[in-house]
Amino acid sequence: MIVTYRTVVLAACGLGLTFAISACQMDKPETATGPNYQAPAATLVPPANLRSVCFVDPDLMAFRTRMVQQELVVGVLSCTEANGNRKLDKHYAAFIAKFTPELASNAGDLKSIVARKGRNFDVVLTEIANRTAQRPVARSNGR
């Protein structure tokens, strides 16, 4: 076994560090309670535009209805056969035919909510569609 200068220096440093650590005495932790430095919390006043910012349950229901429709669209577009044909086009067309009045009413509700909140209707719908499309779709066939 050949002992090099580096090996000797490394061993000496290791031994020196071991002795330094063993000679170090830890102080006992301070357990006495000190003064309370927590500042009192300020009383918050709700903003004057709270009604324009917050949504009530009927507003949320209109958004959730649109989100469900978008999830169905994503499912229809994602579910394809081996040859690339969409499996659920007929089912989605039947859904749209059956619920056209409700979906039209929902669109009207959303337009009024979005206008009341000072937002752009097309931007809101695009945001809902994009967020829905970005969520992973569980596939039963493993593809």
C-alpha atoms as a PDB file:
ATOM      1  CA  MET A   1       0.000   0.000   0.000  1.00  0.00           C
ATOM      2  CA  ILE A   2       1.447   3.334  -1.064  1.00  0.00           C
ATOM      3  CA  VAL A   3       0.805   6.229   1.310  1.00  0.00           C
ATOM      4  CA  THR A   4       0.794   9.560  -0.427  1.00  0.00           C
ATOM      5  CA  TYR A   5       1.110  13.023   0.997  1.00  0.00           C
ATOM      6  CA  ARG A   6      -2.596  13.674   0.272  1.00  0.00           C
ATOM      7  CA  THR A   7      -3.655  10.604   2.222  1.00  0.00           C
ATOM      8  CA  VAL A   8      -1.629  11.701   5.251  1.00  0.00           C
ATOM      9  CA  VAL A   9      -3.017  15.254   5.106  1.00  0.00           C
ATOM     10  CA  LEU A  10      -6.597  13.978   4.753  1.00  0.00           C
ATOM     11  CA  ALA A  11      -6.186  11.609   7.680  1.00  0.00           C
ATOM     12  CA  ALA A  12      -4.663  14.342   9.844  1.00  0.00           C
ATOM     13  CA  CYS A  13      -7.453  16.770   9.000  1.00  0.00           C
ATOM     14  CA  GLY A  14     -10.038  14.106   9.745  1.00  0.00           C
ATOM     15  CA  LEU A  15      -8.483  13.323  13.121  1.00  0.00           C
ATOM     16  CA  GLY A  16      -8.150  17.009  13.958  1.00  0.00           C
ATOM     17  CA  LEU A  17     -11.795  17.597  13.101  1.00  0.00           C
ATOM     18  CA  THR A  18     -12.854  14.614  15.199  1.00  0.00           C
ATOM     19  CA  PHE A  19     -10.965  15.945  18.221  1.00  0.00           C
ATOM     20  CA  ALA A  20     -12.366  19.444  17.728  1.00  0.00           C
ATOM     21  CA  ILE A  21     -15.937  18.150  17.571  1.00  0.00           C
ATOM     22  CA  SER A  22     -15.516  15.939  20.643  1.00  0.00           C
ATOM     23  CA  ALA A  23     -13.981  18.815  22.615  1.00  0.00           C
ATOM     24  CA  CYS A  24     -16.889  21.119  21.796  1.00  0.00           C
ATOM     25  CA  GLN A  25     -19.374  21.439  24.634  1.00  0.00           C
ATOM     26  CA  MET A  26     -22.935  22.327  23.707  1.00  0.00           C
ATOM     27  CA  ASP A  27     -24.534  25.004  25.839  1.00  0.00           C
ATOM     28  CA  LYS A  28     -27.815  24.128  27.468  1.00  0.00           C
ATOM     29  CA  PRO A  29     -30.725  25.513  25.533  1.00  0.00           C
ATOM     30  CA  GLU A  30     -32.386  28.548  27.018  1.00  0.00           C
ATOM     31  CA  THR A  31     -35.772  27.482  28.295  1.00  0.00           C
ATOM     32  CA  ALA A  32     -36.939  30.612  30.052  1.00  0.00           C
ATOM     33  CA  THR A  33     -39.808  32.356  28.365  1.00  0.00           C
ATOM     34  CA  GLY A  34     -39.000  35.749  26.987  1.00  0.00           C
ATOM     35  CA  PRO A  35     -41.205  38.755  26.490  1.00  0.00           C
ATOM     36  CA  ASN A  36     -44.029  38.501  23.949  1.00  0.00           C
ATOM     37  CA  TYR A  37     -42.973  40.371  20.839  1.00  0.00           C
ATOM     38  CA  GLN A  38     -46.079  39.581  18.821  1.00  0.00           C
ATOM     39  CA  ALA A  39     -47.710  42.725  17.546  1.00  0.00           C
ATOM     40  CA  PRO A  40     -51.464  42.997  17.908  1.00  0.00           C
ATOM     41  CA  ALA A  41     -53.309  42.152  14.703  1.00  0.00           C
ATOM     42  CA  ALA A  42     -54.919  45.071  12.968  1.00  0.00           C
ATOM     43  CA  THR A  43     -58.656  45.057  12.533  1.00  0.00           C
ATOM     44  CA  LEU A  44     -59.403  44.488   8.874  1.00  0.00           C
ATOM     45  CA  VAL A  45     -62.143  46.410   7.175  1.00  0.00           C
ATOM     46  CA  PRO A  46     -63.715  44.651   4.191  1.00  0.00           C
ATOM     47  CA  PRO A  47     -63.044  46.421   0.901  1.00  0.00           C
ATOM     48  CA  ALA A  48     -65.706  48.703  -0.477  1.00  0.00           C
ATOM     49  CA  ASN A  49     -65.911  46.672  -3.694  1.00  0.00           C
ATOM     50  CA  LEU A  50     -66.458  43.335  -1.945  1.00  0.00           C
ATOM     51  CA  ARG A  51     -69.699  42.631  -3.777  1.00  0.00           C
ATOM     52  CA  SER A  52     -68.017  43.177  -7.129  1.00  0.00           C
ATOM     53  CA  VAL A  53     -65.177  40.803  -6.258  1.00  0.00           C
ATOM     54  CA  CYS A  54     -66.930  37.923  -4.478  1.00  0.00           C
ATOM     55  CA  PHE A  55     -69.293  35.423  -6.051  1.00  0.00           C
ATOM     56  CA  VAL A  56     -72.548  34.205  -4.542  1.00  0.00           C
ATOM     57  CA  ASP A  57     -73.805  30.634  -4.860  1.00  0.00           C
ATOM     58  CA  PRO A  58     -75.967  31.183  -7.972  1.00  0.00           C
ATOM     59  CA  ASP A  59     -72.974  32.770  -9.712  1.00  0.00           C
ATOM     60  CA  LEU A  60     -70.781  29.830  -8.795  1.00  0.00           C
ATOM     61  CA  MET A  61     -73.427  27.391 -10.001  1.00  0.00           C
ATOM     62  CA  ALA A  62     -73.428  29.070 -13.421  1.00  0.00           C
ATOM     63  CA  PHE A  63     -69.634  28.735 -13.633  1.00  0.00           C
ATOM     64  CA  ARG A  64     -69.713  25.124 -12.456  1.00  0.00           C
ATOM     65  CA  THR A  65     -72.331  24.251 -15.055  1.00  0.00           C
ATOM     66  CA  ARG A  66     -70.107  25.665 -17.779  1.00  0.00           C
ATOM     67  CA  MET A  67     -67.122  23.791 -16.336  1.00  0.00           C
ATOM     68  CA  VAL A  68     -69.016  20.500 -16.503  1.00  0.00           C
ATOM     69  CA  GLN A  69     -69.891  21.196 -20.131  1.00  0.00           C
ATOM     70  CA  GLN A  70     -66.224  21.922 -20.860  1.00  0.00           C
ATOM     71  CA  GLU A  71     -65.177  18.686 -19.159  1.00  0.00           C
ATOM     72  CA  LEU A  72     -67.591  16.831 -21.418  1.00  0.00           C
ATOM     73  CA  VAL A  73     -66.084  18.553 -24.460  1.00  0.00           C
ATOM     74  CA  VAL A  74     -62.568  17.582 -23.378  1.00  0.00           C
ATOM     75  CA  GLY A  75     -63.734  14.010 -22.794  1.00  0.00           C
ATOM     76  CA  VAL A  76     -65.352  13.814 -26.220  1.00  0.00           C
ATOM     77  CA  LEU A  77     -62.268  15.215 -27.935  1.00  0.00           C
ATOM     78  CA  SER A  78     -59.913  12.952 -25.968  1.00  0.00           C
ATOM     79  CA  CYS A  79     -61.744   9.655 -26.322  1.00  0.00           C
ATOM     80  CA  THR A  80     -60.828   8.175 -29.684  1.00  0.00           C
ATOM     81  CA  GLU A  81     -60.854   4.751 -31.256  1.00  0.00           C
ATOM     82  CA  ALA A  82     -57.728   3.095 -32.636  1.00  0.00           C
ATOM     83  CA  ASN A  83     -58.453   4.554 -36.093  1.00  0.00           C
ATOM     84  CA  GLY A  84     -58.731   8.110 -34.685  1.00  0.00           C
ATOM     85  CA  ASN A  85     -62.525   8.432 -34.800  1.00  0.00           C
ATOM     86  CA  ARG A  86     -64.133   9.967 -31.751  1.00  0.00           C
ATOM     87  CA  LYS A  87     -66.182   7.479 -29.756  1.00  0.00           C
ATOM     88  CA  LEU A  88     -68.543   9.888 -28.011  1.00  0.00           C
ATOM     89  CA  ASP A  89     -69.573  12.368 -30.729  1.00  0.00           C
ATOM     90  CA  LYS A  90     -73.112  10.954 -30.981  1.00  0.00           C
ATOM     91  CA  HIS A  91     -73.543  10.934 -27.205  1.00  0.00           C
ATOM     92  CA  TYR A  92     -72.377  14.534 -26.894  1.00  0.00           C
ATOM     93  CA  ALA A  93     -74.652  15.608 -29.759  1.00  0.00           C
ATOM     94  CA  ALA A  94     -77.571  13.956 -27.925  1.00  0.00           C
ATOM     95  CA  PHE A  95     -76.592  15.775 -24.726  1.00  0.00           C
ATOM     96  CA  ILE A  96     -76.494  19.127 -26.529  1.00  0.00           C
ATOM     97  CA  ALA A  97     -79.848  18.464 -28.196  1.00  0.00           C
ATOM     98  CA  LYS A  98     -81.450  17.503 -24.893  1.00  0.00           C
ATOM     99  CA  PHE A  99     -80.045  20.382 -22.831  1.00  0.00           C
ATOM    100  CA  THR A 100     -79.875  23.230 -25.359  1.00  0.00           C
ATOM    101  CA  PRO A 101     -82.396  25.424 -23.463  1.00  0.00           C
ATOM    102  CA  GLU A 102     -80.536  24.978 -20.168  1.00  0.00           C
ATOM    103  CA  LEU A 103     -77.148  25.617 -21.775  1.00  0.00           C
ATOM    104  CA  ALA A 104     -78.487  28.743 -23.493  1.00  0.00           C
ATOM    105  CA  SER A 105     -79.880  29.952 -20.166  1.00  0.00           C
ATOM    106  CA  ASN A 106     -76.524  29.227 -18.543  1.00  0.00           C
ATOM    107  CA  ALA A 107     -74.737  31.237 -21.235  1.00  0.00           C
ATOM    108  CA  GLY A 108     -77.055  34.178 -20.572  1.00  0.00           C
ATOM    109  CA  ASP A 109     -76.467  33.930 -16.832  1.00  0.00           C
ATOM    110  CA  LEU A 110     -72.713  33.811 -17.357  1.00  0.00           C
ATOM    111  CA  LYS A 111     -72.794  36.834 -19.658  1.00  0.00           C
ATOM    112  CA  SER A 112     -74.620  38.890 -17.045  1.00  0.00           C
ATOM    113  CA  ILE A 113     -72.333  37.729 -14.212  1.00  0.00           C
ATOM    114  CA  VAL A 114     -69.189  38.450 -16.204  1.00  0.00           C
ATOM    115  CA  ALA A 115     -70.498  41.875 -17.254  1.00  0.00           C
ATOM    116  CA  ARG A 116     -71.427  42.674 -13.645  1.00  0.00           C
ATOM    117  CA  LYS A 117     -67.900  41.751 -12.539  1.00  0.00           C
ATOM    118  CA  GLY A 118     -66.390  43.905 -15.290  1.00  0.00           C
ATOM    119  CA  ARG A 119     -64.764  41.043 -17.173  1.00  0.00           C
ATOM    120  CA  ASN A 120     -64.686  40.007 -20.827  1.00  0.00           C
ATOM    121  CA  PHE A 121     -67.033  37.081 -21.524  1.00  0.00           C
ATOM    122  CA  ASP A 122     -64.863  35.511 -24.244  1.00  0.00           C
ATOM    123  CA  VAL A 123     -61.743  35.718 -22.086  1.00  0.00           C
ATOM    124  CA  VAL A 124     -63.537  34.038 -19.169  1.00  0.00           C
ATOM    125  CA  LEU A 125     -64.837  31.196 -21.357  1.00  0.00           C
ATOM    126  CA  THR A 126     -61.410  30.707 -22.898  1.00  0.00           C
ATOM    127  CA  GLU A 127     -59.865  30.557 -19.428  1.00  0.00           C
ATOM    128  CA  ILE A 128     -62.391  27.928 -18.323  1.00  0.00           C
ATOM    129  CA  ALA A 129     -61.748  25.883 -21.470  1.00  0.00           C
ATOM    130  CA  ASN A 130     -57.963  26.132 -21.171  1.00  0.00           C
ATOM    131  CA  ARG A 131     -57.898  25.149 -17.514  1.00  0.00           C
ATOM    132  CA  THR A 132     -60.227  22.239 -18.163  1.00  0.00           C
ATOM    133  CA  ALA A 133     -58.169  21.034 -21.120  1.00  0.00           C
ATOM    134  CA  GLN A 134     -54.922  21.190 -19.117  1.00  0.00           C
ATOM    135  CA  ARG A 135     -56.157  18.778 -16.480  1.00  0.00           C
ATOM    136  CA  PRO A 136     -55.058  15.196 -17.078  1.00  0.00           C
ATOM    137  CA  VAL A 137     -57.672  12.885 -18.513  1.00  0.00           C
ATOM    138  CA  ALA A 138     -57.832   9.382 -17.054  1.00  0.00           C
ATOM    139  CA  ARG A 139     -57.851   6.821 -19.820  1.00  0.00           C
ATOM    140  CA  SER A 140     -59.228   3.378 -19.191  1.00  0.00           C
ATOM    141  CA  ASN A 141     -57.271   1.752 -22.037  1.00  0.00           C
ATOM    142  CA  GLY A 142     -53.889   3.021 -20.828  1.00  0.00           C
ATOM    143  CA  ARG A 143     -53.179   5.192 -23.900  1.00  0.00           C
END
